[in-house]
Amino acid sequence: MWTIVLFSALLGFTAIVAMWNLRRWALTWGATPQELSRTWTGDELSPDAVEISTRAITIRAPVDAVWAWLIQIGQDRAGFYSYTWLENLFRCAMPRIERIVPEWQERHVGDTVWLARRDRYQGEARQKVVQMVPRGVLTLASPADWGRIIRRETSHGGTWAFLLVPTGANATRLIVRSRGPEAPTLVGRLFWLAVFEPAHFIMERKMMLRLKALAERTDPTAVPLAS
């Protein structure tokens, strides 16, 4: 009897540790210890975020080449370079455009980045550009938090920041920093952990890998890096 109880407890503990390590891997996918420990541009907009993920990937192309693809994100532009079929299961009507479009090479603070077609989800599937440094930083937040930010308050719902760091003439480090809500309810926290985090990781990882492939494919100066 006690053997069964002890075995069950050990099995449960092992499962919890495994899930914790898997979650930690997903939240920090590709990032170095230095990237995880430093403060990034955009962090100041949501200083009390409860959940934070920092993911990174090396792209063998200069910053300009990566930025040209990144600045095109949005349902009304080139999509999000992720699993389009999965996004469209949720009625996003997400396009898959894999070319640089000159008309989409400009954004400004306050612009809307659509996550789904604007006539769906009561027009709420959108983010606002709350911070931008050309060829360096693109930070998004909810429309409600945009109002708080322009009043010099902090974001309550968190931010989604894309940061480009040159690591050589033909290499760029793409850092994607997500900062979650400041004070979620218990139900909100459970939803975040059980649903949002896994789904966001799957979609964001694909986005980063696709950005890497597109930028490396279209940049004629890209050269392989030493492993």
C-alpha atoms as a PDB file:
ATOM      1  CA  MET A   1       0.000   0.000   0.000  1.00  0.00           C
ATOM      2  CA  TRP A   2       2.650   2.483   1.076  1.00  0.00           C
ATOM      3  CA  THR A   3       4.799   1.424  -1.862  1.00  0.00           C
ATOM      4  CA  ILE A   4       2.011   2.364  -4.278  1.00  0.00           C
ATOM      5  CA  VAL A   5       1.466   5.712  -2.552  1.00  0.00           C
ATOM      6  CA  LEU A   6       5.182   6.487  -2.594  1.00  0.00           C
ATOM      7  CA  PHE A   7       5.498   5.469  -6.241  1.00  0.00           C
ATOM      8  CA  SER A   8       2.505   7.607  -7.206  1.00  0.00           C
ATOM      9  CA  ALA A   9       3.909  10.597  -5.323  1.00  0.00           C
ATOM     10  CA  LEU A  10       7.299  10.157  -6.978  1.00  0.00           C
ATOM     11  CA  LEU A  11       5.699   9.819 -10.391  1.00  0.00           C
ATOM     12  CA  GLY A  12       3.640  12.957  -9.816  1.00  0.00           C
ATOM     13  CA  PHE A  13       6.670  14.907  -8.638  1.00  0.00           C
ATOM     14  CA  THR A  14       8.675  13.768 -11.668  1.00  0.00           C
ATOM     15  CA  ALA A  15       5.877  14.863 -13.997  1.00  0.00           C
ATOM     16  CA  ILE A  16       5.691  18.295 -12.335  1.00  0.00           C
ATOM     17  CA  VAL A  17       9.459  18.781 -12.633  1.00  0.00           C
ATOM     18  CA  ALA A  18       9.387  17.680 -16.279  1.00  0.00           C
ATOM     19  CA  MET A  19       6.554  20.082 -17.098  1.00  0.00           C
ATOM     20  CA  TRP A  20       8.306  22.914 -15.267  1.00  0.00           C
ATOM     21  CA  ASN A  21      11.516  22.324 -17.224  1.00  0.00           C
ATOM     22  CA  LEU A  22       9.578  22.103 -20.491  1.00  0.00           C
ATOM     23  CA  ARG A  23       7.852  25.404 -19.735  1.00  0.00           C
ATOM     24  CA  ARG A  24      11.168  27.031 -18.835  1.00  0.00           C
ATOM     25  CA  TRP A  25      12.677  25.811 -22.114  1.00  0.00           C
ATOM     26  CA  ALA A  26       9.737  27.224 -24.092  1.00  0.00           C
ATOM     27  CA  LEU A  27       9.855  30.608 -22.337  1.00  0.00           C
ATOM     28  CA  THR A  28      13.579  31.002 -23.017  1.00  0.00           C
ATOM     29  CA  TRP A  29      13.862  29.216 -26.363  1.00  0.00           C
ATOM     30  CA  GLY A  30      17.113  30.147 -28.111  1.00  0.00           C
ATOM     31  CA  ALA A  31      18.084  32.900 -25.667  1.00  0.00           C
ATOM     32  CA  THR A  32      21.498  33.112 -24.022  1.00  0.00           C
ATOM     33  CA  PRO A  33      21.965  33.701 -20.261  1.00  0.00           C
ATOM     34  CA  GLN A  34      23.092  37.253 -21.054  1.00  0.00           C
ATOM     35  CA  GLU A  35      19.947  37.928 -23.099  1.00  0.00           C
ATOM     36  CA  LEU A  36      17.770  36.548 -20.325  1.00  0.00           C
ATOM     37  CA  SER A  37      19.360  38.612 -17.579  1.00  0.00           C
ATOM     38  CA  ARG A  38      19.507  42.012 -19.251  1.00  0.00           C
ATOM     39  CA  THR A  39      16.846  44.715 -19.483  1.00  0.00           C
ATOM     40  CA  TRP A  40      15.480  45.333 -22.985  1.00  0.00           C
ATOM     41  CA  THR A  41      13.911  48.363 -24.588  1.00  0.00           C
ATOM     42  CA  GLY A  42      10.180  48.101 -23.957  1.00  0.00           C
ATOM     43  CA  ASP A  43      10.484  46.499 -20.512  1.00  0.00           C
ATOM     44  CA  GLU A  44       9.837  49.877 -18.932  1.00  0.00           C
ATOM     45  CA  LEU A  45       6.345  49.932 -20.453  1.00  0.00           C
ATOM     46  CA  SER A  46       5.205  46.928 -18.398  1.00  0.00           C
ATOM     47  CA  PRO A  47       7.498  46.835 -15.344  1.00  0.00           C
ATOM     48  CA  ASP A  48       5.133  44.695 -13.232  1.00  0.00           C
ATOM     49  CA  ALA A  49       4.435  41.945 -15.745  1.00  0.00           C
ATOM     50  CA  VAL A  50       3.835  38.588 -14.072  1.00  0.00           C
ATOM     51  CA  GLU A  51       4.859  36.320 -16.950  1.00  0.00           C
ATOM     52  CA  ILE A  52       7.834  37.050 -19.206  1.00  0.00           C
ATOM     53  CA  SER A  53       9.220  35.124 -22.159  1.00  0.00           C
ATOM     54  CA  THR A  54      12.431  35.896 -24.017  1.00  0.00           C
ATOM     55  CA  ARG A  55      13.120  33.970 -27.206  1.00  0.00           C
ATOM     56  CA  ALA A  56      15.928  34.501 -29.673  1.00  0.00           C
ATOM     57  CA  ILE A  57      17.350  33.301 -32.953  1.00  0.00           C
ATOM     58  CA  THR A  58      20.394  34.161 -35.058  1.00  0.00           C
ATOM     59  CA  ILE A  59      19.620  35.222 -38.624  1.00  0.00           C
ATOM     60  CA  ARG A  60      22.437  35.188 -41.150  1.00  0.00           C
ATOM     61  CA  ALA A  61      21.487  38.487 -42.734  1.00  0.00           C
ATOM     62  CA  PRO A  62      22.039  42.159 -41.839  1.00  0.00           C
ATOM     63  CA  VAL A  63      19.547  44.099 -39.738  1.00  0.00           C
ATOM     64  CA  ASP A  64      18.066  45.923 -42.739  1.00  0.00           C
ATOM     65  CA  ALA A  65      17.148  42.636 -44.421  1.00  0.00           C
ATOM     66  CA  VAL A  66      15.424  41.302 -41.302  1.00  0.00           C
ATOM     67  CA  TRP A  67      13.623  44.577 -40.578  1.00  0.00           C
ATOM     68  CA  ALA A  68      12.159  44.661 -44.093  1.00  0.00           C
ATOM     69  CA  TRP A  69      10.281  41.435 -43.336  1.00  0.00           C
ATOM     70  CA  LEU A  70       9.450  42.220 -39.719  1.00  0.00           C
ATOM     71  CA  ILE A  71       7.849  45.594 -40.420  1.00  0.00           C
ATOM     72  CA  GLN A  72       5.345  43.879 -42.737  1.00  0.00           C
ATOM     73  CA  ILE A  73       3.630  41.830 -40.012  1.00  0.00           C
ATOM     74  CA  GLY A  74      -0.120  42.130 -39.647  1.00  0.00           C
ATOM     75  CA  GLN A  75      -3.257  40.558 -41.091  1.00  0.00           C
ATOM     76  CA  ASP A  76      -3.658  43.536 -43.421  1.00  0.00           C
ATOM     77  CA  ARG A  77      -0.077  43.181 -44.628  1.00  0.00           C
ATOM     78  CA  ALA A  78       2.039  40.026 -44.999  1.00  0.00           C
ATOM     79  CA  GLY A  79       0.563  38.042 -42.110  1.00  0.00           C
ATOM     80  CA  PHE A  80       2.671  36.745 -39.224  1.00  0.00           C
ATOM     81  CA  TYR A  81       4.842  34.180 -41.038  1.00  0.00           C
ATOM     82  CA  SER A  82       3.486  31.419 -38.803  1.00  0.00           C
ATOM     83  CA  TYR A  83       1.023  28.546 -39.263  1.00  0.00           C
ATOM     84  CA  THR A  84      -1.438  30.312 -41.555  1.00  0.00           C
ATOM     85  CA  TRP A  85      -3.763  27.303 -41.712  1.00  0.00           C
ATOM     86  CA  LEU A  86      -4.029  27.283 -37.920  1.00  0.00           C
ATOM     87  CA  GLU A  87      -4.623  31.044 -37.732  1.00  0.00           C
ATOM     88  CA  ASN A  88      -7.370  30.687 -40.311  1.00  0.00           C
ATOM     89  CA  LEU A  89      -9.086  27.975 -38.271  1.00  0.00           C
ATOM     90  CA  PHE A  90      -9.821  30.828 -35.875  1.00  0.00           C
ATOM     91  CA  ARG A  91     -11.256  33.029 -38.665  1.00  0.00           C
ATOM     92  CA  CYS A  92      -8.250  35.341 -38.900  1.00  0.00           C
ATOM     93  CA  ALA A  93      -8.234  35.338 -42.727  1.00  0.00           C
ATOM     94  CA  MET A  94      -4.457  35.535 -42.478  1.00  0.00           C
ATOM     95  CA  PRO A  95      -2.562  36.046 -45.760  1.00  0.00           C
ATOM     96  CA  ARG A  96       0.742  34.385 -46.605  1.00  0.00           C
ATOM     97  CA  ILE A  97       2.780  36.900 -48.562  1.00  0.00           C
ATOM     98  CA  GLU A  98       6.463  36.084 -48.955  1.00  0.00           C
ATOM     99  CA  ARG A  99       7.849  39.075 -50.766  1.00  0.00           C
ATOM    100  CA  ILE A 100       8.978  42.547 -49.740  1.00  0.00           C
ATOM    101  CA  VAL A 101       6.254  45.094 -50.508  1.00  0.00           C
ATOM    102  CA  PRO A 102       7.600  48.680 -50.698  1.00  0.00           C
ATOM    103  CA  GLU A 103       4.288  50.177 -49.539  1.00  0.00           C
ATOM    104  CA  TRP A 104       4.554  48.239 -46.265  1.00  0.00           C
ATOM    105  CA  GLN A 105       8.037  49.391 -45.318  1.00  0.00           C
ATOM    106  CA  GLU A 106       6.881  52.114 -42.978  1.00  0.00           C
ATOM    107  CA  ARG A 107       5.110  52.143 -39.645  1.00  0.00           C
ATOM    108  CA  HIS A 108       4.616  54.776 -36.974  1.00  0.00           C
ATOM    109  CA  VAL A 109       3.881  54.815 -33.266  1.00  0.00           C
ATOM    110  CA  GLY A 110       0.111  54.611 -32.908  1.00  0.00           C
ATOM    111  CA  ASP A 111      -0.406  52.447 -36.010  1.00  0.00           C
ATOM    112  CA  THR A 112      -2.705  49.428 -35.743  1.00  0.00           C
ATOM    113  CA  VAL A 113      -1.348  45.929 -36.341  1.00  0.00           C
ATOM    114  CA  TRP A 114      -4.285  43.647 -37.090  1.00  0.00           C
ATOM    115  CA  LEU A 115      -4.295  40.105 -35.698  1.00  0.00           C
ATOM    116  CA  ALA A 116      -7.397  39.121 -37.686  1.00  0.00           C
ATOM    117  CA  ARG A 117      -9.589  40.719 -40.304  1.00  0.00           C
ATOM    118  CA  ARG A 118     -10.941  43.981 -38.927  1.00  0.00           C
ATOM    119  CA  ASP A 119     -14.595  42.995 -39.384  1.00  0.00           C
ATOM    120  CA  ARG A 120     -14.193  39.970 -37.103  1.00  0.00           C
ATOM    121  CA  TYR A 121     -14.076  39.660 -33.307  1.00  0.00           C
ATOM    122  CA  GLN A 122     -15.892  43.001 -33.039  1.00  0.00           C
ATOM    123  CA  GLY A 123     -12.777  44.691 -34.388  1.00  0.00           C
ATOM    124  CA  GLU A 124     -10.841  43.871 -31.203  1.00  0.00           C
ATOM    125  CA  ALA A 125      -8.231  41.537 -32.705  1.00  0.00           C
ATOM    126  CA  ARG A 126      -5.545  44.181 -32.958  1.00  0.00           C
ATOM    127  CA  GLN A 127      -2.493  45.681 -31.339  1.00  0.00           C
ATOM    128  CA  LYS A 128      -1.017  49.167 -31.438  1.00  0.00           C
ATOM    129  CA  VAL A 129       2.565  50.148 -32.165  1.00  0.00           C
ATOM    130  CA  VAL A 130       3.559  51.732 -28.842  1.00  0.00           C
ATOM    131  CA  GLN A 131       7.288  52.009 -29.455  1.00  0.00           C
ATOM    132  CA  MET A 132       9.480  51.922 -32.514  1.00  0.00           C
ATOM    133  CA  VAL A 133      13.124  52.423 -33.309  1.00  0.00           C
ATOM    134  CA  PRO A 134      13.628  51.888 -37.058  1.00  0.00           C
ATOM    135  CA  ARG A 135      15.704  48.760 -37.748  1.00  0.00           C
ATOM    136  CA  GLY A 136      15.891  48.067 -34.048  1.00  0.00           C
ATOM    137  CA  VAL A 137      12.698  47.881 -32.005  1.00  0.00           C
ATOM    138  CA  LEU A 138       9.017  47.255 -32.675  1.00  0.00           C
ATOM    139  CA  THR A 139       6.850  47.039 -29.541  1.00  0.00           C
ATOM    140  CA  LEU A 140       3.131  46.253 -29.590  1.00  0.00           C
ATOM    141  CA  ALA A 141       0.429  46.497 -26.919  1.00  0.00           C
ATOM    142  CA  SER A 142      -3.352  46.451 -26.707  1.00  0.00           C
ATOM    143  CA  PRO A 143      -5.383  49.537 -27.715  1.00  0.00           C
ATOM    144  CA  ALA A 144      -6.381  50.004 -24.050  1.00  0.00           C
ATOM    145  CA  ASP A 145      -2.747  50.005 -23.009  1.00  0.00           C
ATOM    146  CA  TRP A 146      -1.903  52.413 -25.831  1.00  0.00           C
ATOM    147  CA  GLY A 147      -4.100  54.956 -24.062  1.00  0.00           C
ATOM    148  CA  ARG A 148      -2.305  54.326 -20.782  1.00  0.00           C
ATOM    149  CA  ILE A 149       1.115  54.595 -22.388  1.00  0.00           C
ATOM    150  CA  ILE A 150       0.441  57.949 -24.054  1.00  0.00           C
ATOM    151  CA  ARG A 151      -0.703  59.177 -20.615  1.00  0.00           C
ATOM    152  CA  ARG A 152       2.730  58.030 -19.366  1.00  0.00           C
ATOM    153  CA  GLU A 153       1.206  55.196 -17.364  1.00  0.00           C
ATOM    154  CA  THR A 154       2.317  51.563 -17.562  1.00  0.00           C
ATOM    155  CA  SER A 155       0.782  48.771 -19.579  1.00  0.00           C
ATOM    156  CA  HIS A 156      -1.637  46.550 -17.651  1.00  0.00           C
ATOM    157  CA  GLY A 157      -1.951  43.858 -20.293  1.00  0.00           C
ATOM    158  CA  GLY A 158       1.704  43.520 -21.202  1.00  0.00           C
ATOM    159  CA  THR A 159       3.743  44.116 -24.337  1.00  0.00           C
ATOM    160  CA  TRP A 160       5.101  42.176 -27.301  1.00  0.00           C
ATOM    161  CA  ALA A 161       8.493  43.467 -28.419  1.00  0.00           C
ATOM    162  CA  PHE A 162      10.659  42.541 -31.404  1.00  0.00           C
ATOM    163  CA  LEU A 163      14.279  43.615 -31.091  1.00  0.00           C
ATOM    164  CA  LEU A 164      17.058  43.354 -33.674  1.00  0.00           C
ATOM    165  CA  VAL A 165      20.658  43.262 -32.501  1.00  0.00           C
ATOM    166  CA  PRO A 166      23.458  43.218 -35.107  1.00  0.00           C
ATOM    167  CA  THR A 167      26.107  40.628 -34.286  1.00  0.00           C
ATOM    168  CA  GLY A 168      28.237  41.160 -37.352  1.00  0.00           C
ATOM    169  CA  ALA A 169      28.099  42.664 -40.832  1.00  0.00           C
ATOM    170  CA  ASN A 170      25.800  39.901 -42.040  1.00  0.00           C
ATOM    171  CA  ALA A 171      24.251  38.530 -38.874  1.00  0.00           C
ATOM    172  CA  THR A 172      21.384  39.670 -36.677  1.00  0.00           C
ATOM    173  CA  ARG A 173      20.022  38.453 -33.404  1.00  0.00           C
ATOM    174  CA  LEU A 174      16.195  38.556 -33.300  1.00  0.00           C
ATOM    175  CA  ILE A 175      14.902  38.830 -29.728  1.00  0.00           C
ATOM    176  CA  VAL A 176      11.174  38.462 -29.093  1.00  0.00           C
ATOM    177  CA  ARG A 177      10.187  39.612 -25.627  1.00  0.00           C
ATOM    178  CA  SER A 178       6.645  39.020 -24.350  1.00  0.00           C
ATOM    179  CA  ARG A 179       5.509  40.492 -21.047  1.00  0.00           C
ATOM    180  CA  GLY A 180       2.192  39.289 -19.674  1.00  0.00           C
ATOM    181  CA  PRO A 181      -0.548  40.966 -17.616  1.00  0.00           C
ATOM    182  CA  GLU A 182       0.340  42.758 -14.393  1.00  0.00           C
ATOM    183  CA  ALA A 183      -2.243  41.169 -12.085  1.00  0.00           C
ATOM    184  CA  PRO A 184      -4.270  38.420 -13.752  1.00  0.00           C
ATOM    185  CA  THR A 185      -7.149  36.763 -11.922  1.00  0.00           C
ATOM    186  CA  LEU A 186      -6.808  33.123 -10.892  1.00  0.00           C
ATOM    187  CA  VAL A 187      -8.865  32.035 -13.897  1.00  0.00           C
ATOM    188  CA  GLY A 188      -6.873  34.359 -16.134  1.00  0.00           C
ATOM    189  CA  ARG A 189      -3.590  32.993 -14.801  1.00  0.00           C
ATOM    190  CA  LEU A 190      -4.695  29.394 -15.378  1.00  0.00           C
ATOM    191  CA  PHE A 191      -5.786  30.238 -18.930  1.00  0.00           C
ATOM    192  CA  TRP A 192      -2.443  31.959 -19.535  1.00  0.00           C
ATOM    193  CA  LEU A 193      -0.450  28.957 -18.318  1.00  0.00           C
ATOM    194  CA  ALA A 194      -2.554  26.178 -19.824  1.00  0.00           C
ATOM    195  CA  VAL A 195      -3.670  27.712 -23.125  1.00  0.00           C
ATOM    196  CA  PHE A 196      -2.028  30.990 -24.083  1.00  0.00           C
ATOM    197  CA  GLU A 197       1.598  30.168 -23.294  1.00  0.00           C
ATOM    198  CA  PRO A 198       1.781  26.854 -25.220  1.00  0.00           C
ATOM    199  CA  ALA A 199      -0.128  28.243 -28.215  1.00  0.00           C
ATOM    200  CA  HIS A 200       1.911  31.440 -28.255  1.00  0.00           C
ATOM    201  CA  PHE A 201       5.173  29.501 -28.150  1.00  0.00           C
ATOM    202  CA  ILE A 202       4.185  27.254 -31.054  1.00  0.00           C
ATOM    203  CA  MET A 203       3.106  30.177 -33.228  1.00  0.00           C
ATOM    204  CA  GLU A 204       5.927  32.536 -32.237  1.00  0.00           C
ATOM    205  CA  ARG A 205       8.651  29.931 -32.769  1.00  0.00           C
ATOM    206  CA  LYS A 206       7.353  29.244 -36.276  1.00  0.00           C
ATOM    207  CA  MET A 207       7.254  32.986 -36.952  1.00  0.00           C
ATOM    208  CA  MET A 208      10.883  33.402 -35.900  1.00  0.00           C
ATOM    209  CA  LEU A 209      12.044  30.449 -37.971  1.00  0.00           C
ATOM    210  CA  ARG A 210      10.170  31.742 -41.022  1.00  0.00           C
ATOM    211  CA  LEU A 211      11.593  35.247 -40.619  1.00  0.00           C
ATOM    212  CA  LYS A 212      15.037  33.686 -40.483  1.00  0.00           C
ATOM    213  CA  ALA A 213      14.435  31.655 -43.652  1.00  0.00           C
ATOM    214  CA  LEU A 214      12.984  34.589 -45.579  1.00  0.00           C
ATOM    215  CA  ALA A 215      15.694  37.067 -44.583  1.00  0.00           C
ATOM    216  CA  GLU A 216      18.511  34.623 -45.326  1.00  0.00           C
ATOM    217  CA  ARG A 217      16.966  33.640 -48.639  1.00  0.00           C
ATOM    218  CA  THR A 218      16.517  37.197 -49.896  1.00  0.00           C
ATOM    219  CA  ASP A 219      19.772  38.731 -48.633  1.00  0.00           C
ATOM    220  CA  PRO A 220      22.519  38.215 -51.231  1.00  0.00           C
ATOM    221  CA  THR A 221      25.283  39.168 -48.770  1.00  0.00           C
ATOM    222  CA  ALA A 222      24.370  36.549 -46.181  1.00  0.00           C
ATOM    223  CA  VAL A 223      27.154  34.078 -45.497  1.00  0.00           C
ATOM    224  CA  PRO A 224      27.168  30.995 -43.260  1.00  0.00           C
ATOM    225  CA  LEU A 225      28.333  31.534 -39.704  1.00  0.00           C
ATOM    226  CA  ALA A 226      30.828  29.300 -37.986  1.00  0.00           C
ATOM    227  CA  SER A 227      29.057  26.818 -35.741  1.00  0.00           C
END
